[in-house]
Amino acid sequence: MNALERAIVRTLFYGDVFSFPMTAAEIHYYLIEVRATAAEVQQTLAQPSPDLAQWLIREQVGSLTCYAIVGRGSIFEARRQREVASQHLWRQARRYGVWLGYLPFVQMVALTGALAVRNAGSTDDDLDYLLVVREGRVWLARLFAVMLVRLTKLWGVVLCPNYVLAENSLAQDERHLFMAHEITQMVPVVGHRWYHQMRDANQWTEVVLPNAQGVFYQEPDQQPRFLGRWLKHSLEWLFGGRWGDALERWEMQRKIRKFQPQLLTASEVQLDEHQVKGHFISYGQATLERYHARLEAHGLLNDPAASAAD
């Protein structure tokens, strides 16, 4: 296979980790390490060479034409079900993302996780978000978010703002395929300006996923307005200054003490004055291990296309 064909196969194997057959547009956007036009990817899939064709199966999922790795036909039905669940959850995710944007010190709200790629497991899935917040107010912003989480839980809605990031710490230290996906697949609901700044701060993703430019699923920027905007600014004034600084330090120290036992075994958790990354299960590491195992089982682990993406 040529470089584009190998990249298509590797991209489908990564989607396979999540039982996620992909459309031509998704394959193009998330194509691993190879820059190509959407037309080139579409043409290669429509008229695959014999070497590529032996890897691919294609099936219609509603209005979508999806591709997967041969022998994995069962995941097409999974995508049908997840499309329905994702459409149901998307409206909720947008609504509560806007609510998060009304909280004090929150600059950006972006939808993340499985729903961001329309792969929600069920209509009961958690709604995952990344928040970019004012410098020096990471823990207070998180505290307000937790209050909203507890309120919506009474209504049977589980919000998970599990990554809170200061506006001056947008660059990510972890530089691998999983993190590149997390950054490029997030869907900003509030604060598009900060979304673009985060993408600019992580330009290394353009090496791993060179076609993942812009947002795959566009949502309008829902900035706070009217009474909500006034209330947000009033609370920011109230919790600003030295009193707010003292409260920020107290909340950070209190929560780090509480999470200390989990920090010993959770390699992907980061808790400091710049970020609260609360993934106490190593999803990134586990995902890459499963992806590499698939490549190795099919003799592709040492493929010439394998480098920075892994």
C-alpha atoms as a PDB file:
ATOM      1  CA  MET A   1       0.000   0.000   0.000  1.00  0.00           C
ATOM      2  CA  ASN A   2       1.053   3.590  -0.524  1.00  0.00           C
ATOM      3  CA  ALA A   3       1.309   6.097   2.329  1.00  0.00           C
ATOM      4  CA  LEU A   4      -2.306   7.290   2.022  1.00  0.00           C
ATOM      5  CA  GLU A   5      -3.676   3.740   1.995  1.00  0.00           C
ATOM      6  CA  ARG A   6      -1.609   2.763   5.039  1.00  0.00           C
ATOM      7  CA  ALA A   7      -2.821   5.874   6.874  1.00  0.00           C
ATOM      8  CA  ILE A   8      -6.441   4.986   6.103  1.00  0.00           C
ATOM      9  CA  VAL A   9      -5.968   1.498   7.535  1.00  0.00           C
ATOM     10  CA  ARG A  10      -4.268   2.815  10.671  1.00  0.00           C
ATOM     11  CA  THR A  11      -6.994   5.422  11.128  1.00  0.00           C
ATOM     12  CA  LEU A  12      -9.688   2.758  10.906  1.00  0.00           C
ATOM     13  CA  PHE A  13      -7.825   0.620  13.433  1.00  0.00           C
ATOM     14  CA  TYR A  14      -7.818   3.555  15.857  1.00  0.00           C
ATOM     15  CA  GLY A  15     -11.569   3.989  15.354  1.00  0.00           C
ATOM     16  CA  ASP A  16     -11.946   0.242  15.895  1.00  0.00           C
ATOM     17  CA  VAL A  17     -10.637   0.639  19.456  1.00  0.00           C
ATOM     18  CA  PHE A  18     -13.882   2.532  20.123  1.00  0.00           C
ATOM     19  CA  SER A  19     -16.037   0.247  17.901  1.00  0.00           C
ATOM     20  CA  PHE A  20     -16.459   3.266  15.642  1.00  0.00           C
ATOM     21  CA  PRO A  21     -16.760   2.742  11.866  1.00  0.00           C
ATOM     22  CA  MET A  22     -15.972   5.989  10.084  1.00  0.00           C
ATOM     23  CA  THR A  23     -17.305   8.012   7.185  1.00  0.00           C
ATOM     24  CA  ALA A  24     -14.986   9.243   4.444  1.00  0.00           C
ATOM     25  CA  ALA A  25     -15.139  12.753   5.948  1.00  0.00           C
ATOM     26  CA  GLU A  26     -14.146  11.426   9.391  1.00  0.00           C
ATOM     27  CA  ILE A  27     -11.325   9.320   7.930  1.00  0.00           C
ATOM     28  CA  HIS A  28     -10.016  12.403   6.143  1.00  0.00           C
ATOM     29  CA  TYR A  29     -10.239  14.637   9.214  1.00  0.00           C
ATOM     30  CA  TYR A  30      -8.594  12.109  11.554  1.00  0.00           C
ATOM     31  CA  LEU A  31      -6.143  10.665   8.999  1.00  0.00           C
ATOM     32  CA  ILE A  32      -2.982   9.724  10.894  1.00  0.00           C
ATOM     33  CA  GLU A  33       0.180  11.553   9.859  1.00  0.00           C
ATOM     34  CA  VAL A  34      -0.617  11.938   6.157  1.00  0.00           C
ATOM     35  CA  ARG A  35      -1.802  15.219   4.682  1.00  0.00           C
ATOM     36  CA  ALA A  36      -4.374  14.717   1.930  1.00  0.00           C
ATOM     37  CA  THR A  37      -7.400  16.427   0.457  1.00  0.00           C
ATOM     38  CA  ALA A  38     -10.900  15.209   1.167  1.00  0.00           C
ATOM     39  CA  ALA A  39     -11.244  14.383  -2.541  1.00  0.00           C
ATOM     40  CA  GLU A  40      -8.112  12.209  -2.466  1.00  0.00           C
ATOM     41  CA  VAL A  41      -9.389  10.235   0.510  1.00  0.00           C
ATOM     42  CA  GLN A  42     -12.845   9.890  -1.032  1.00  0.00           C
ATOM     43  CA  GLN A  43     -11.379   8.658  -4.341  1.00  0.00           C
ATOM     44  CA  THR A  44      -9.095   6.164  -2.598  1.00  0.00           C
ATOM     45  CA  LEU A  45     -12.014   4.728  -0.628  1.00  0.00           C
ATOM     46  CA  ALA A  46     -14.379   4.662  -3.608  1.00  0.00           C
ATOM     47  CA  GLN A  47     -11.857   2.877  -5.840  1.00  0.00           C
ATOM     48  CA  PRO A  48      -9.451   1.083  -3.479  1.00  0.00           C
ATOM     49  CA  SER A  49      -6.445  -0.787  -4.788  1.00  0.00           C
ATOM     50  CA  PRO A  50      -6.474  -4.580  -4.261  1.00  0.00           C
ATOM     51  CA  ASP A  51      -4.014  -4.122  -1.374  1.00  0.00           C
ATOM     52  CA  LEU A  52      -6.317  -1.651   0.384  1.00  0.00           C
ATOM     53  CA  ALA A  53      -9.551  -3.431  -0.503  1.00  0.00           C
ATOM     54  CA  GLN A  54      -8.525  -6.511   1.481  1.00  0.00           C
ATOM     55  CA  TRP A  55      -8.638  -4.424   4.661  1.00  0.00           C
ATOM     56  CA  LEU A  56     -11.946  -2.618   4.131  1.00  0.00           C
ATOM     57  CA  ILE A  57     -15.633  -3.286   4.529  1.00  0.00           C
ATOM     58  CA  ARG A  58     -18.304  -0.697   3.799  1.00  0.00           C
ATOM     59  CA  GLU A  59     -21.910  -0.427   4.945  1.00  0.00           C
ATOM     60  CA  GLN A  60     -24.700   2.120   4.988  1.00  0.00           C
ATOM     61  CA  VAL A  61     -25.571   3.371   8.487  1.00  0.00           C
ATOM     62  CA  GLY A  62     -28.724   5.401   8.011  1.00  0.00           C
ATOM     63  CA  SER A  63     -27.711   8.221   5.682  1.00  0.00           C
ATOM     64  CA  LEU A  64     -23.986   7.638   6.354  1.00  0.00           C
ATOM     65  CA  THR A  65     -21.640   5.460   4.320  1.00  0.00           C
ATOM     66  CA  CYS A  66     -19.188   4.028   6.854  1.00  0.00           C
ATOM     67  CA  TYR A  67     -15.987   2.013   6.607  1.00  0.00           C
ATOM     68  CA  ALA A  68     -14.410  -0.453   9.026  1.00  0.00           C
ATOM     69  CA  ILE A  69     -11.740  -3.134   9.159  1.00  0.00           C
ATOM     70  CA  VAL A  70     -12.608  -6.494   7.614  1.00  0.00           C
ATOM     71  CA  GLY A  71     -14.015  -8.878  10.214  1.00  0.00           C
ATOM     72  CA  ARG A  72     -15.515  -6.082  12.293  1.00  0.00           C
ATOM     73  CA  GLY A  73     -18.915  -5.820  10.652  1.00  0.00           C
ATOM     74  CA  SER A  74     -20.699  -5.943  13.996  1.00  0.00           C
ATOM     75  CA  ILE A  75     -19.604  -2.402  14.840  1.00  0.00           C
ATOM     76  CA  PHE A  76     -21.878  -0.963  12.126  1.00  0.00           C
ATOM     77  CA  GLU A  77     -24.895  -1.849  14.259  1.00  0.00           C
ATOM     78  CA  ALA A  78     -23.162  -0.258  17.255  1.00  0.00           C
ATOM     79  CA  ARG A  79     -22.796   2.975  15.286  1.00  0.00           C
ATOM     80  CA  ARG A  80     -26.489   2.927  14.324  1.00  0.00           C
ATOM     81  CA  GLN A  81     -27.458   2.754  17.974  1.00  0.00           C
ATOM     82  CA  ARG A  82     -24.906   5.350  19.012  1.00  0.00           C
ATOM     83  CA  GLU A  83     -26.030   7.784  16.330  1.00  0.00           C
ATOM     84  CA  VAL A  84     -29.505   7.710  17.871  1.00  0.00           C
ATOM     85  CA  ALA A  85     -28.139   8.136  21.406  1.00  0.00           C
ATOM     86  CA  SER A  86     -25.812  10.951  20.305  1.00  0.00           C
ATOM     87  CA  GLN A  87     -28.589  12.890  18.580  1.00  0.00           C
ATOM     88  CA  HIS A  88     -30.650  12.620  21.772  1.00  0.00           C
ATOM     89  CA  LEU A  89     -27.785  13.823  23.977  1.00  0.00           C
ATOM     90  CA  TRP A  90     -26.474  16.563  21.681  1.00  0.00           C
ATOM     91  CA  ARG A  91     -29.222  19.042  22.535  1.00  0.00           C
ATOM     92  CA  GLN A  92     -28.669  18.466  26.248  1.00  0.00           C
ATOM     93  CA  ALA A  93     -24.910  18.815  25.868  1.00  0.00           C
ATOM     94  CA  ARG A  94     -25.325  22.126  24.045  1.00  0.00           C
ATOM     95  CA  ARG A  95     -27.775  23.464  26.637  1.00  0.00           C
ATOM     96  CA  TYR A  96     -25.702  22.555  29.688  1.00  0.00           C
ATOM     97  CA  GLY A  97     -22.525  23.692  27.963  1.00  0.00           C
ATOM     98  CA  VAL A  98     -24.106  27.138  27.719  1.00  0.00           C
ATOM     99  CA  TRP A  99     -24.993  26.958  31.407  1.00  0.00           C
ATOM    100  CA  LEU A 100     -21.377  26.180  32.263  1.00  0.00           C
ATOM    101  CA  GLY A 101     -20.380  29.237  30.252  1.00  0.00           C
ATOM    102  CA  TYR A 102     -22.440  31.435  32.581  1.00  0.00           C
ATOM    103  CA  LEU A 103     -20.350  30.398  35.590  1.00  0.00           C
ATOM    104  CA  PRO A 104     -17.810  32.868  37.020  1.00  0.00           C
ATOM    105  CA  PHE A 105     -14.319  32.856  35.476  1.00  0.00           C
ATOM    106  CA  VAL A 106     -15.221  30.362  32.707  1.00  0.00           C
ATOM    107  CA  GLN A 107     -13.826  31.538  29.354  1.00  0.00           C
ATOM    108  CA  MET A 108     -14.455  28.485  27.157  1.00  0.00           C
ATOM    109  CA  VAL A 109     -16.653  25.397  27.319  1.00  0.00           C
ATOM    110  CA  ALA A 110     -15.968  22.561  24.891  1.00  0.00           C
ATOM    111  CA  LEU A 111     -17.775  19.253  24.576  1.00  0.00           C
ATOM    112  CA  THR A 112     -15.342  16.309  24.711  1.00  0.00           C
ATOM    113  CA  GLY A 113     -15.372  12.525  25.000  1.00  0.00           C
ATOM    114  CA  ALA A 114     -17.374  10.039  22.936  1.00  0.00           C
ATOM    115  CA  LEU A 115     -20.293  12.384  22.318  1.00  0.00           C
ATOM    116  CA  ALA A 116     -18.006  14.921  20.619  1.00  0.00           C
ATOM    117  CA  VAL A 117     -17.592  12.412  17.763  1.00  0.00           C
ATOM    118  CA  ARG A 118     -21.230  11.214  17.904  1.00  0.00           C
ATOM    119  CA  ASN A 119     -20.256   7.913  19.531  1.00  0.00           C
ATOM    120  CA  ALA A 120     -22.220   8.056  22.801  1.00  0.00           C
ATOM    121  CA  GLY A 121     -22.847   4.587  24.198  1.00  0.00           C
ATOM    122  CA  SER A 122     -26.391   5.292  25.393  1.00  0.00           C
ATOM    123  CA  THR A 123     -28.814   8.082  26.198  1.00  0.00           C
ATOM    124  CA  ASP A 124     -27.618   7.841  29.820  1.00  0.00           C
ATOM    125  CA  ASP A 125     -23.990   8.700  29.015  1.00  0.00           C
ATOM    126  CA  ASP A 126     -22.200  11.410  30.962  1.00  0.00           C
ATOM    127  CA  LEU A 127     -21.707  14.775  29.266  1.00  0.00           C
ATOM    128  CA  ASP A 128     -17.951  15.506  29.247  1.00  0.00           C
ATOM    129  CA  TYR A 129     -16.551  19.023  29.021  1.00  0.00           C
ATOM    130  CA  LEU A 130     -13.249  20.857  29.005  1.00  0.00           C
ATOM    131  CA  LEU A 131     -13.271  24.305  30.609  1.00  0.00           C
ATOM    132  CA  VAL A 132     -10.758  27.087  30.028  1.00  0.00           C
ATOM    133  CA  VAL A 133     -10.942  29.516  32.942  1.00  0.00           C
ATOM    134  CA  ARG A 134      -9.395  32.722  34.220  1.00  0.00           C
ATOM    135  CA  GLU A 135      -5.781  32.513  35.369  1.00  0.00           C
ATOM    136  CA  GLY A 136      -5.625  32.127  39.153  1.00  0.00           C
ATOM    137  CA  ARG A 137      -9.227  30.907  39.446  1.00  0.00           C
ATOM    138  CA  VAL A 138      -8.995  27.266  38.329  1.00  0.00           C
ATOM    139  CA  TRP A 139     -10.253  25.802  41.596  1.00  0.00           C
ATOM    140  CA  LEU A 140     -12.984  28.368  42.220  1.00  0.00           C
ATOM    141  CA  ALA A 141     -14.275  27.901  38.663  1.00  0.00           C
ATOM    142  CA  ARG A 142     -14.267  24.153  39.250  1.00  0.00           C
ATOM    143  CA  LEU A 143     -16.148  24.638  42.529  1.00  0.00           C
ATOM    144  CA  PHE A 144     -18.926  26.547  40.761  1.00  0.00           C
ATOM    145  CA  ALA A 145     -19.004  23.823  38.084  1.00  0.00           C
ATOM    146  CA  VAL A 146     -19.371  21.132  40.752  1.00  0.00           C
ATOM    147  CA  MET A 147     -22.355  23.022  42.184  1.00  0.00           C
ATOM    148  CA  LEU A 148     -23.999  22.916  38.764  1.00  0.00           C
ATOM    149  CA  VAL A 149     -23.127  19.204  38.448  1.00  0.00           C
ATOM    150  CA  ARG A 150     -24.914  18.467  41.708  1.00  0.00           C
ATOM    151  CA  LEU A 151     -27.953  20.461  40.621  1.00  0.00           C
ATOM    152  CA  THR A 152     -28.325  18.724  37.251  1.00  0.00           C
ATOM    153  CA  LYS A 153     -27.794  15.323  38.873  1.00  0.00           C
ATOM    154  CA  LEU A 154     -31.133  15.850  40.626  1.00  0.00           C
ATOM    155  CA  TRP A 155     -32.676  15.910  37.145  1.00  0.00           C
ATOM    156  CA  GLY A 156     -30.918  12.728  36.060  1.00  0.00           C
ATOM    157  CA  VAL A 157     -28.273  14.530  33.952  1.00  0.00           C
ATOM    158  CA  VAL A 158     -24.602  13.784  34.688  1.00  0.00           C
ATOM    159  CA  LEU A 159     -22.228  16.599  33.753  1.00  0.00           C
ATOM    160  CA  CYS A 160     -18.487  15.847  33.846  1.00  0.00           C
ATOM    161  CA  PRO A 161     -16.361  18.990  33.515  1.00  0.00           C
ATOM    162  CA  ASN A 162     -13.348  16.757  34.131  1.00  0.00           C
ATOM    163  CA  TYR A 163     -10.683  19.009  32.669  1.00  0.00           C
ATOM    164  CA  VAL A 164     -10.375  22.599  33.935  1.00  0.00           C
ATOM    165  CA  LEU A 165      -7.499  24.525  32.402  1.00  0.00           C
ATOM    166  CA  ALA A 166      -6.136  28.011  33.101  1.00  0.00           C
ATOM    167  CA  GLU A 167      -6.083  30.388  30.145  1.00  0.00           C
ATOM    168  CA  ASN A 168      -2.276  30.709  30.401  1.00  0.00           C
ATOM    169  CA  SER A 169      -1.661  26.924  30.336  1.00  0.00           C
ATOM    170  CA  LEU A 170      -3.274  25.776  27.105  1.00  0.00           C
ATOM    171  CA  ALA A 171      -0.288  23.827  25.736  1.00  0.00           C
ATOM    172  CA  GLN A 172      -0.462  20.104  26.538  1.00  0.00           C
ATOM    173  CA  ASP A 173       2.651  18.249  27.685  1.00  0.00           C
ATOM    174  CA  GLU A 174       1.372  14.850  26.574  1.00  0.00           C
ATOM    175  CA  ARG A 175       1.971  14.627  22.833  1.00  0.00           C
ATOM    176  CA  HIS A 176       0.596  11.428  21.380  1.00  0.00           C
ATOM    177  CA  LEU A 177      -2.274  10.213  19.221  1.00  0.00           C
ATOM    178  CA  PHE A 178      -4.846  10.036  22.026  1.00  0.00           C
ATOM    179  CA  MET A 179      -4.201  13.611  23.164  1.00  0.00           C
ATOM    180  CA  ALA A 180      -4.212  14.834  19.553  1.00  0.00           C
ATOM    181  CA  HIS A 181      -7.677  13.327  19.181  1.00  0.00           C
ATOM    182  CA  GLU A 182      -8.887  14.874  22.429  1.00  0.00           C
ATOM    183  CA  ILE A 183      -7.807  18.331  21.256  1.00  0.00           C
ATOM    184  CA  THR A 184      -9.016  18.130  17.660  1.00  0.00           C
ATOM    185  CA  GLN A 185     -12.361  16.450  18.322  1.00  0.00           C
ATOM    186  CA  MET A 186     -13.580  18.811  21.037  1.00  0.00           C
ATOM    187  CA  VAL A 187     -16.564  20.973  20.090  1.00  0.00           C
ATOM    188  CA  PRO A 188     -16.537  24.523  21.527  1.00  0.00           C
ATOM    189  CA  VAL A 189     -19.933  25.728  22.704  1.00  0.00           C
ATOM    190  CA  VAL A 190     -18.817  28.916  24.467  1.00  0.00           C
ATOM    191  CA  GLY A 191     -15.660  30.954  23.834  1.00  0.00           C
ATOM    192  CA  HIS A 192     -14.563  30.138  20.289  1.00  0.00           C
ATOM    193  CA  ARG A 193     -11.709  32.624  20.602  1.00  0.00           C
ATOM    194  CA  TRP A 194     -10.149  30.534  23.354  1.00  0.00           C
ATOM    195  CA  TYR A 195     -10.686  27.361  21.343  1.00  0.00           C
ATOM    196  CA  HIS A 196      -8.562  28.806  18.534  1.00  0.00           C
ATOM    197  CA  GLN A 197      -5.925  29.899  21.031  1.00  0.00           C
ATOM    198  CA  MET A 198      -5.784  26.366  22.418  1.00  0.00           C
ATOM    199  CA  ARG A 199      -5.370  24.932  18.921  1.00  0.00           C
ATOM    200  CA  ASP A 200      -2.583  27.461  18.234  1.00  0.00           C
ATOM    201  CA  ALA A 201      -0.865  26.479  21.501  1.00  0.00           C
ATOM    202  CA  ASN A 202      -0.888  22.825  20.410  1.00  0.00           C
ATOM    203  CA  GLN A 203       0.275  23.021  16.815  1.00  0.00           C
ATOM    204  CA  TRP A 204       2.106  19.714  17.299  1.00  0.00           C
ATOM    205  CA  THR A 205      -1.269  18.070  16.615  1.00  0.00           C
ATOM    206  CA  GLU A 206      -0.832  19.082  12.966  1.00  0.00           C
ATOM    207  CA  VAL A 207       1.983  16.533  12.691  1.00  0.00           C
ATOM    208  CA  VAL A 208      -0.124  13.720  14.136  1.00  0.00           C
ATOM    209  CA  LEU A 209      -3.468  14.678  12.548  1.00  0.00           C
ATOM    210  CA  PRO A 210      -2.530  17.102   9.745  1.00  0.00           C
ATOM    211  CA  ASN A 211      -6.032  17.314   8.222  1.00  0.00           C
ATOM    212  CA  ALA A 212      -7.842  18.049  11.488  1.00  0.00           C
ATOM    213  CA  GLN A 213      -8.242  21.767  10.887  1.00  0.00           C
ATOM    214  CA  GLY A 214     -11.126  23.706  12.383  1.00  0.00           C
ATOM    215  CA  VAL A 215     -14.052  22.054  14.180  1.00  0.00           C
ATOM    216  CA  PHE A 216     -15.644  18.941  12.696  1.00  0.00           C
ATOM    217  CA  TYR A 217     -19.052  19.613  14.279  1.00  0.00           C
ATOM    218  CA  GLN A 218     -19.659  23.363  14.316  1.00  0.00           C
ATOM    219  CA  GLU A 219     -21.711  24.986  17.074  1.00  0.00           C
ATOM    220  CA  PRO A 220     -22.422  28.742  17.384  1.00  0.00           C
ATOM    221  CA  ASP A 221     -20.598  30.655  20.097  1.00  0.00           C
ATOM    222  CA  GLN A 222     -23.126  31.012  22.931  1.00  0.00           C
ATOM    223  CA  GLN A 223     -21.653  33.859  24.952  1.00  0.00           C
ATOM    224  CA  PRO A 224     -23.473  34.907  28.158  1.00  0.00           C
ATOM    225  CA  ARG A 225     -26.042  37.625  27.589  1.00  0.00           C
ATOM    226  CA  PHE A 226     -28.363  39.950  29.464  1.00  0.00           C
ATOM    227  CA  LEU A 227     -28.995  39.123  33.150  1.00  0.00           C
ATOM    228  CA  GLY A 228     -26.760  36.052  33.037  1.00  0.00           C
ATOM    229  CA  ARG A 229     -23.826  38.106  31.795  1.00  0.00           C
ATOM    230  CA  TRP A 230     -24.370  40.705  34.532  1.00  0.00           C
ATOM    231  CA  LEU A 231     -24.563  37.993  37.207  1.00  0.00           C
ATOM    232  CA  LYS A 232     -21.411  36.295  35.898  1.00  0.00           C
ATOM    233  CA  HIS A 233     -19.435  39.553  35.990  1.00  0.00           C
ATOM    234  CA  SER A 234     -20.812  40.438  39.430  1.00  0.00           C
ATOM    235  CA  LEU A 235     -19.651  37.109  40.884  1.00  0.00           C
ATOM    236  CA  GLU A 236     -16.254  37.530  39.229  1.00  0.00           C
ATOM    237  CA  TRP A 237     -15.937  40.911  40.929  1.00  0.00           C
ATOM    238  CA  LEU A 238     -17.088  39.461  44.267  1.00  0.00           C
ATOM    239  CA  PHE A 239     -14.600  36.586  44.154  1.00  0.00           C
ATOM    240  CA  GLY A 240     -11.754  38.635  42.735  1.00  0.00           C
ATOM    241  CA  GLY A 241      -8.954  40.327  44.651  1.00  0.00           C
ATOM    242  CA  ARG A 242      -7.142  39.042  47.725  1.00  0.00           C
ATOM    243  CA  TRP A 243     -10.204  37.420  49.263  1.00  0.00           C
ATOM    244  CA  GLY A 244     -10.691  35.396  46.106  1.00  0.00           C
ATOM    245  CA  ASP A 245      -6.984  34.508  46.057  1.00  0.00           C
ATOM    246  CA  ALA A 246      -7.202  33.134  49.594  1.00  0.00           C
ATOM    247  CA  LEU A 247     -10.333  31.144  48.778  1.00  0.00           C
ATOM    248  CA  GLU A 248      -8.658  29.747  45.636  1.00  0.00           C
ATOM    249  CA  ARG A 249      -5.648  28.511  47.644  1.00  0.00           C
ATOM    250  CA  TRP A 250      -7.871  26.995  50.335  1.00  0.00           C
ATOM    251  CA  GLU A 251     -10.005  25.100  47.816  1.00  0.00           C
ATOM    252  CA  MET A 252      -6.953  23.814  45.920  1.00  0.00           C
ATOM    253  CA  GLN A 253      -5.227  22.553  49.070  1.00  0.00           C
ATOM    254  CA  ARG A 254      -8.438  20.986  50.373  1.00  0.00           C
ATOM    255  CA  LYS A 255      -9.144  19.049  47.172  1.00  0.00           C
ATOM    256  CA  ILE A 256      -5.554  17.932  46.605  1.00  0.00           C
ATOM    257  CA  ARG A 257      -5.488  16.489  50.119  1.00  0.00           C
ATOM    258  CA  LYS A 258      -8.727  14.663  49.388  1.00  0.00           C
ATOM    259  CA  PHE A 259      -7.450  13.230  46.093  1.00  0.00           C
ATOM    260  CA  GLN A 260      -3.961  12.383  47.369  1.00  0.00           C
ATOM    261  CA  PRO A 261      -4.528   8.593  47.708  1.00  0.00           C
ATOM    262  CA  GLN A 262      -5.775   8.398  44.103  1.00  0.00           C
ATOM    263  CA  LEU A 263      -2.825  10.401  42.796  1.00  0.00           C
ATOM    264  CA  LEU A 264      -0.464   7.565  43.708  1.00  0.00           C
ATOM    265  CA  THR A 265      -2.001   5.216  41.128  1.00  0.00           C
ATOM    266  CA  ALA A 266      -3.543   7.557  38.509  1.00  0.00           C
ATOM    267  CA  SER A 267      -0.797   8.479  36.052  1.00  0.00           C
ATOM    268  CA  GLU A 268      -2.910  10.856  33.949  1.00  0.00           C
ATOM    269  CA  VAL A 269      -4.269  12.999  36.791  1.00  0.00           C
ATOM    270  CA  GLN A 270      -2.830  16.513  37.073  1.00  0.00           C
ATOM    271  CA  LEU A 271      -3.817  18.782  39.943  1.00  0.00           C
ATOM    272  CA  ASP A 272      -2.139  22.148  40.457  1.00  0.00           C
ATOM    273  CA  GLU A 273      -2.813  25.869  40.226  1.00  0.00           C
ATOM    274  CA  HIS A 274      -2.961  25.694  36.405  1.00  0.00           C
ATOM    275  CA  GLN A 275      -5.207  22.681  35.778  1.00  0.00           C
ATOM    276  CA  VAL A 276      -7.516  20.073  37.216  1.00  0.00           C
ATOM    277  CA  LYS A 277      -7.334  17.000  35.025  1.00  0.00           C
ATOM    278  CA  GLY A 278      -9.493  14.479  36.829  1.00  0.00           C
ATOM    279  CA  HIS A 279      -9.119  11.288  34.802  1.00  0.00           C
ATOM    280  CA  PHE A 280      -8.440   8.836  37.608  1.00  0.00           C
ATOM    281  CA  ILE A 281      -8.520   5.987  35.087  1.00  0.00           C
ATOM    282  CA  SER A 282      -5.747   6.058  32.492  1.00  0.00           C
ATOM    283  CA  TYR A 283      -7.949   6.192  29.403  1.00  0.00           C
ATOM    284  CA  GLY A 284      -5.193   7.542  27.170  1.00  0.00           C
ATOM    285  CA  GLN A 285      -2.659   4.880  28.043  1.00  0.00           C
ATOM    286  CA  ALA A 286      -5.225   2.077  27.800  1.00  0.00           C
ATOM    287  CA  THR A 287      -6.458   3.343  24.423  1.00  0.00           C
ATOM    288  CA  LEU A 288      -2.969   3.485  22.923  1.00  0.00           C
ATOM    289  CA  GLU A 289      -2.168   0.011  24.226  1.00  0.00           C
ATOM    290  CA  ARG A 290      -5.285  -1.412  22.575  1.00  0.00           C
ATOM    291  CA  TYR A 291      -4.505   0.426  19.337  1.00  0.00           C
ATOM    292  CA  HIS A 292      -0.914  -0.842  19.267  1.00  0.00           C
ATOM    293  CA  ALA A 293      -2.112  -4.376  20.008  1.00  0.00           C
ATOM    294  CA  ARG A 294      -4.364  -4.245  16.958  1.00  0.00           C
ATOM    295  CA  LEU A 295      -1.542  -2.993  14.749  1.00  0.00           C
ATOM    296  CA  GLU A 296       0.836  -5.629  16.071  1.00  0.00           C
ATOM    297  CA  ALA A 297      -1.677  -8.436  15.531  1.00  0.00           C
ATOM    298  CA  HIS A 298      -1.931  -7.437  11.865  1.00  0.00           C
ATOM    299  CA  GLY A 299       1.774  -6.792  11.294  1.00  0.00           C
ATOM    300  CA  LEU A 300       1.406  -3.011  11.122  1.00  0.00           C
ATOM    301  CA  LEU A 301       3.069  -1.885  14.337  1.00  0.00           C
ATOM    302  CA  ASN A 302       6.397  -1.182  12.621  1.00  0.00           C
ATOM    303  CA  ASP A 303       4.753   0.191   9.517  1.00  0.00           C
ATOM    304  CA  PRO A 304       6.641   3.119   7.902  1.00  0.00           C
ATOM    305  CA  ALA A 305       3.705   5.386   8.808  1.00  0.00           C
ATOM    306  CA  ALA A 306       4.233   4.759  12.542  1.00  0.00           C
ATOM    307  CA  SER A 307       6.166   7.520  14.246  1.00  0.00           C
ATOM    308  CA  ALA A 308       4.938  10.649  16.049  1.00  0.00           C
ATOM    309  CA  ALA A 309       1.358   9.411  16.096  1.00  0.00           C
ATOM    310  CA  ASP A 310       2.271   6.768  18.687  1.00  0.00           C
END
